[in-house]
C-alpha atoms as a PDB file:
ATOM      1  CA  UNK A   1     242.960  75.833  77.815  1.00  0.00           C
ATOM      2  CA  UNK A   2     246.036  75.809  75.662  1.00  0.00           C
ATOM      3  CA  UNK A   3     246.820  72.098  74.038  1.00  0.00           C
ATOM      4  CA  UNK A   4     250.136  70.381  74.520  1.00  0.00           C
ATOM      5  CA  UNK A   5     249.866  70.777  70.520  1.00  0.00           C
ATOM      6  CA  UNK A   6     249.689  74.431  70.761  1.00  0.00           C
ATOM      7  CA  UNK A   7     252.125  74.843  73.114  1.00  0.00           C
ATOM      8  CA  UNK A   8     254.833  72.949  71.131  1.00  0.00           C
ATOM      9  CA  UNK A   9     253.915  75.190  68.305  1.00  0.00           C
ATOM     10  CA  UNK A  10     254.299  78.267  69.998  1.00  0.00           C
ATOM     11  CA  UNK A  11     257.290  77.001  71.308  1.00  0.00           C
ATOM     12  CA  UNK A  12     259.097  76.284  68.136  1.00  0.00           C
ATOM     13  CA  UNK A  13     257.914  79.546  66.738  1.00  0.00           C
ATOM     14  CA  UNK A  14     259.590  81.352  69.570  1.00  0.00           C
ATOM     15  CA  UNK A  15     262.437  79.347  69.269  1.00  0.00           C
ATOM     16  CA  UNK A  16     262.544  80.688  65.533  1.00  0.00           C
ATOM     17  CA  UNK A  17     262.393  84.135  66.464  1.00  0.00           C
ATOM     18  CA  UNK A  18     265.063  84.067  69.147  1.00  0.00           C
ATOM     19  CA  UNK A  19     266.997  81.993  66.108  1.00  0.00           C
ATOM     20  CA  UNK A  20     266.784  84.457  63.509  1.00  0.00           C
ATOM     21  CA  UNK A  21     267.650  87.444  66.510  1.00  0.00           C
ATOM     22  CA  UNK A  22     270.701  86.060  67.152  1.00  0.00           C
ATOM     23  CA  UNK A  23     272.460  84.316  64.224  1.00  0.00           C
ATOM     24  CA  UNK A  24     270.078  86.347  61.989  1.00  0.00           C
ATOM     25  CA  UNK A  25     268.261  85.513  59.042  1.00  0.00           C
ATOM     26  CA  UNK A  26     268.139  86.719  55.125  1.00  0.00           C
ATOM     27  CA  UNK A  27     265.645  89.985  55.673  1.00  0.00           C
ATOM     28  CA  UNK A  28     268.053  90.757  58.762  1.00  0.00           C
ATOM     29  CA  UNK A  29     264.698  90.998  61.386  1.00  0.00           C
ATOM     30  CA  UNK A  30     262.438  89.273  62.513  1.00  0.00           C
ATOM     31  CA  UNK A  31     258.482  89.359  63.431  1.00  0.00           C
ATOM     32  CA  UNK A  32     257.464  89.618  66.456  1.00  0.00           C
ATOM     33  CA  UNK A  33     254.564  88.364  68.074  1.00  0.00           C
ATOM     34  CA  UNK A  34     252.601  91.542  67.705  1.00  0.00           C
ATOM     35  CA  UNK A  35     253.651  92.055  63.888  1.00  0.00           C
ATOM     36  CA  UNK A  36     256.385  94.430  64.758  1.00  0.00           C
ATOM     37  CA  UNK A  37     259.580  93.825  62.728  1.00  0.00           C
ATOM     38  CA  UNK A  38     262.572  94.154  64.865  1.00  0.00           C
ATOM     39  CA  UNK A  39     266.280  93.795  63.463  1.00  0.00           C
ATOM     40  CA  UNK A  40     268.690  90.965  64.080  1.00  0.00           C
ATOM     41  CA  UNK A  41     271.292  91.436  66.707  1.00  0.00           C
ATOM     42  CA  UNK A  42     273.737  90.405  63.749  1.00  0.00           C
ATOM     43  CA  UNK A  43     272.737  92.844  61.841  1.00  0.00           C
ATOM     44  CA  UNK A  44     272.749  96.119  64.884  1.00  0.00           C
ATOM     45  CA  UNK A  45     275.761  95.144  66.181  1.00  0.00           C
ATOM     46  CA  UNK A  46     277.459  95.536  61.877  1.00  0.00           C
ATOM     47  CA  UNK A  47     275.654  98.877  61.995  1.00  0.00           C
ATOM     48  CA  UNK A  48     276.814  99.939  65.078  1.00  0.00           C
ATOM     49  CA  UNK A  49     279.930  98.979  64.283  1.00  0.00           C
ATOM     50  CA  UNK A  50     279.901 101.124  60.721  1.00  0.00           C
ATOM     51  CA  UNK A  51     278.690 104.157  62.624  1.00  0.00           C
ATOM     52  CA  UNK A  52     281.561 103.638  65.214  1.00  0.00           C
ATOM     53  CA  UNK A  53     283.953 103.627  62.380  1.00  0.00           C
ATOM     54  CA  UNK A  54     282.579 106.719  60.733  1.00  0.00           C
ATOM     55  CA  UNK A  55     282.392 108.166  63.731  1.00  0.00           C
ATOM     56  CA  UNK A  56     286.086 107.868  64.487  1.00  0.00           C
ATOM     57  CA  UNK A  57     286.900 108.427  61.162  1.00  0.00           C
ATOM     58  CA  UNK A  58     285.338 112.212  61.390  1.00  0.00           C
ATOM     59  CA  UNK A  59     287.332 112.615  64.333  1.00  0.00           C
ATOM     60  CA  UNK A  60     290.644 111.683  62.796  1.00  0.00           C
ATOM     61  CA  UNK A  61     289.534 113.829  60.363  1.00  0.00           C
ATOM     62  CA  UNK A  62     288.728 116.845  61.821  1.00  0.00           C
ATOM     63  CA  UNK A  63     291.525 116.227  64.117  1.00  0.00           C
ATOM     64  CA  UNK A  64     294.148 116.224  61.314  1.00  0.00           C
ATOM     65  CA  UNK A  65     291.997 119.789  59.142  1.00  0.00           C
ATOM     66  CA  UNK A  66     294.775 122.112  58.346  1.00  0.00           C
ATOM     67  CA  UNK A  67     296.707 121.426  61.351  1.00  0.00           C
ATOM     68  CA  UNK A  68     294.926 123.535  63.818  1.00  0.00           C
ATOM     69  CA  UNK A  69     292.615 120.140  65.920  1.00  0.00           C
ATOM     70  CA  UNK A  70     289.414 120.391  63.669  1.00  0.00           C
ATOM     71  CA  UNK A  71     289.364 124.566  64.709  1.00  0.00           C
ATOM     72  CA  UNK A  72     289.219 125.065  60.935  1.00  0.00           C
ATOM     73  CA  UNK A  73     286.948 122.966  59.913  1.00  0.00           C
ATOM     74  CA  UNK A  74     284.741 123.605  62.508  1.00  0.00           C
ATOM     75  CA  UNK A  75     282.650 126.345  63.134  1.00  0.00           C
ATOM     76  CA  UNK A  76     279.240 128.854  62.958  1.00  0.00           C
ATOM     77  CA  UNK A  77     277.665 131.139  60.369  1.00  0.00           C
ATOM     78  CA  UNK A  78     280.332 131.099  58.129  1.00  0.00           C
ATOM     79  CA  UNK A  79     283.074 131.780  60.868  1.00  0.00           C
ATOM     80  CA  UNK A  80     285.440 128.852  62.018  1.00  0.00           C
ATOM     81  CA  UNK A  81     287.183 128.106  65.653  1.00  0.00           C
ATOM     82  CA  UNK A  82     289.698 129.040  64.031  1.00  0.00           C
ATOM     83  CA  UNK A  83     289.103 132.381  62.753  1.00  0.00           C
ATOM     84  CA  UNK A  84     287.339 133.359  66.047  1.00  0.00           C
ATOM     85  CA  UNK A  85     290.615 132.202  68.378  1.00  0.00           C
ATOM     86  CA  UNK A  86     293.313 133.876  66.495  1.00  0.00           C
ATOM     87  CA  UNK A  87     290.580 136.984  66.409  1.00  0.00           C
ATOM     88  CA  UNK A  88     291.054 136.402  70.056  1.00  0.00           C
ATOM     89  CA  UNK A  89     294.283 136.570  70.118  1.00  0.00           C
ATOM     90  CA  UNK A  90     294.917 139.622  68.269  1.00  0.00           C
ATOM     91  CA  UNK A  91     292.351 141.083  70.246  1.00  0.00           C
ATOM     92  CA  UNK A  92     294.416 139.809  73.314  1.00  0.00           C
ATOM     93  CA  UNK A  93     297.796 140.613  72.405  1.00  0.00           C
ATOM     94  CA  UNK A  94     296.865 144.533  71.559  1.00  0.00           C
ATOM     95  CA  UNK A  95     295.635 144.864  75.453  1.00  0.00           C
ATOM     96  CA  UNK A  96     297.851 146.660  78.379  1.00  0.00           C
ATOM     97  CA  UNK A  97     300.121 144.397  79.182  1.00  0.00           C
ATOM     98  CA  UNK A  98     300.449 143.638  82.852  1.00  0.00           C
ATOM     99  CA  UNK A  99     303.571 144.743  83.191  1.00  0.00           C
ATOM    100  CA  UNK A 100     303.245 147.643  81.772  1.00  0.00           C
ATOM    101  CA  UNK A 101     303.170 150.051  78.125  1.00  0.00           C
ATOM    102  CA  UNK A 102     302.283 153.215  76.604  1.00  0.00           C
ATOM    103  CA  UNK A 103     298.766 154.127  76.810  1.00  0.00           C
ATOM    104  CA  UNK A 104     298.031 156.767  73.251  1.00  0.00           C
ATOM    105  CA  UNK A 105     294.629 157.642  73.496  1.00  0.00           C
ATOM    106  CA  UNK A 106     292.312 158.828  76.616  1.00  0.00           C
ATOM    107  CA  UNK A 107     291.571 156.939  79.764  1.00  0.00           C
ATOM    108  CA  UNK A 108     288.655 156.999  81.653  1.00  0.00           C
ATOM    109  CA  UNK A 109     288.436 156.662  85.364  1.00  0.00           C
ATOM    110  CA  UNK A 110     285.211 155.833  86.843  1.00  0.00           C
ATOM    111  CA  UNK A 111     285.271 157.395  90.198  1.00  0.00           C
ATOM    112  CA  UNK A 112     287.038 159.146  92.458  1.00  0.00           C
ATOM    113  CA  UNK A 113     290.334 156.994  94.267  1.00  0.00           C
ATOM    114  CA  UNK A 114     288.950 155.201  97.650  1.00  0.00           C
ATOM    115  CA  UNK A 115     292.747 154.154  97.986  1.00  0.00           C
ATOM    116  CA  UNK A 116     295.556 155.949  99.172  1.00  0.00           C
ATOM    117  CA  UNK A 117     297.290 154.405  95.351  1.00  0.00           C
ATOM    118  CA  UNK A 118     294.180 154.724  93.421  1.00  0.00           C
ATOM    119  CA  UNK A 119     294.035 156.866  90.379  1.00  0.00           C
ATOM    120  CA  UNK A 120     292.292 160.658  90.513  1.00  0.00           C
ATOM    121  CA  UNK A 121     290.890 162.221  88.190  1.00  0.00           C
ATOM    122  CA  UNK A 122     292.125 165.715  87.171  1.00  0.00           C
ATOM    123  CA  UNK A 123     288.597 167.027  88.472  1.00  0.00           C
ATOM    124  CA  UNK A 124     289.373 165.351  92.053  1.00  0.00           C
ATOM    125  CA  UNK A 125     292.803 166.515  91.548  1.00  0.00           C
ATOM    126  CA  UNK A 126     291.767 170.392  91.169  1.00  0.00           C
ATOM    127  CA  UNK A 127     289.279 169.849  93.517  1.00  0.00           C
ATOM    128  CA  UNK A 128     291.613 168.535  95.912  1.00  0.00           C
ATOM    129  CA  UNK A 129     293.978 171.690  94.769  1.00  0.00           C
ATOM    130  CA  UNK A 130     291.470 174.167  95.688  1.00  0.00           C
ATOM    131  CA  UNK A 131     290.716 172.784  98.518  1.00  0.00           C
ATOM    132  CA  UNK A 132     294.220 173.240  99.983  1.00  0.00           C
ATOM    133  CA  UNK A 133     294.037 176.756  99.077  1.00  0.00           C
ATOM    134  CA  UNK A 134     290.613 177.902 100.623  1.00  0.00           C
ATOM    135  CA  UNK A 135     292.909 176.101 103.711  1.00  0.00           C
ATOM    136  CA  UNK A 136     295.755 178.080 103.327  1.00  0.00           C
ATOM    137  CA  UNK A 137     293.878 181.625 102.879  1.00  0.00           C
ATOM    138  CA  UNK A 138     291.830 180.494 105.381  1.00  0.00           C
ATOM    139  CA  UNK A 139     295.296 180.123 107.801  1.00  0.00           C
ATOM    140  CA  UNK A 140     296.272 183.022 106.964  1.00  0.00           C
ATOM    141  CA  UNK A 141     293.597 185.221 108.425  1.00  0.00           C
END
């Protein structure tokens, strides 16, 4: 059984640990009952404030990097986000506009038209013309 004196000593030890945890001490940690070192609250808050300030400074730096909102500073494998966006923009601008334009290369269609305004291949048009000629010949007899 624990004596009153032992209980008072344990209370004082716990009180000192609690005081160290809340108010800090020279070592910036206290030793828990199991022997583990536990960081004090003021030390933890100071460390977290420094980490938040560093993260904020990094975010500010990236946001203003080369006027690209950080895109010029962020990337992977030697390619920045800004370079990738520029390449995509160039590729998109090279495509035929929805308003129309001129295509100068060959165009391969996937299949014969299935709607009245569907694009027709030369092969389909030739087959339809031959079919029309055959019908005309058959009707002439």
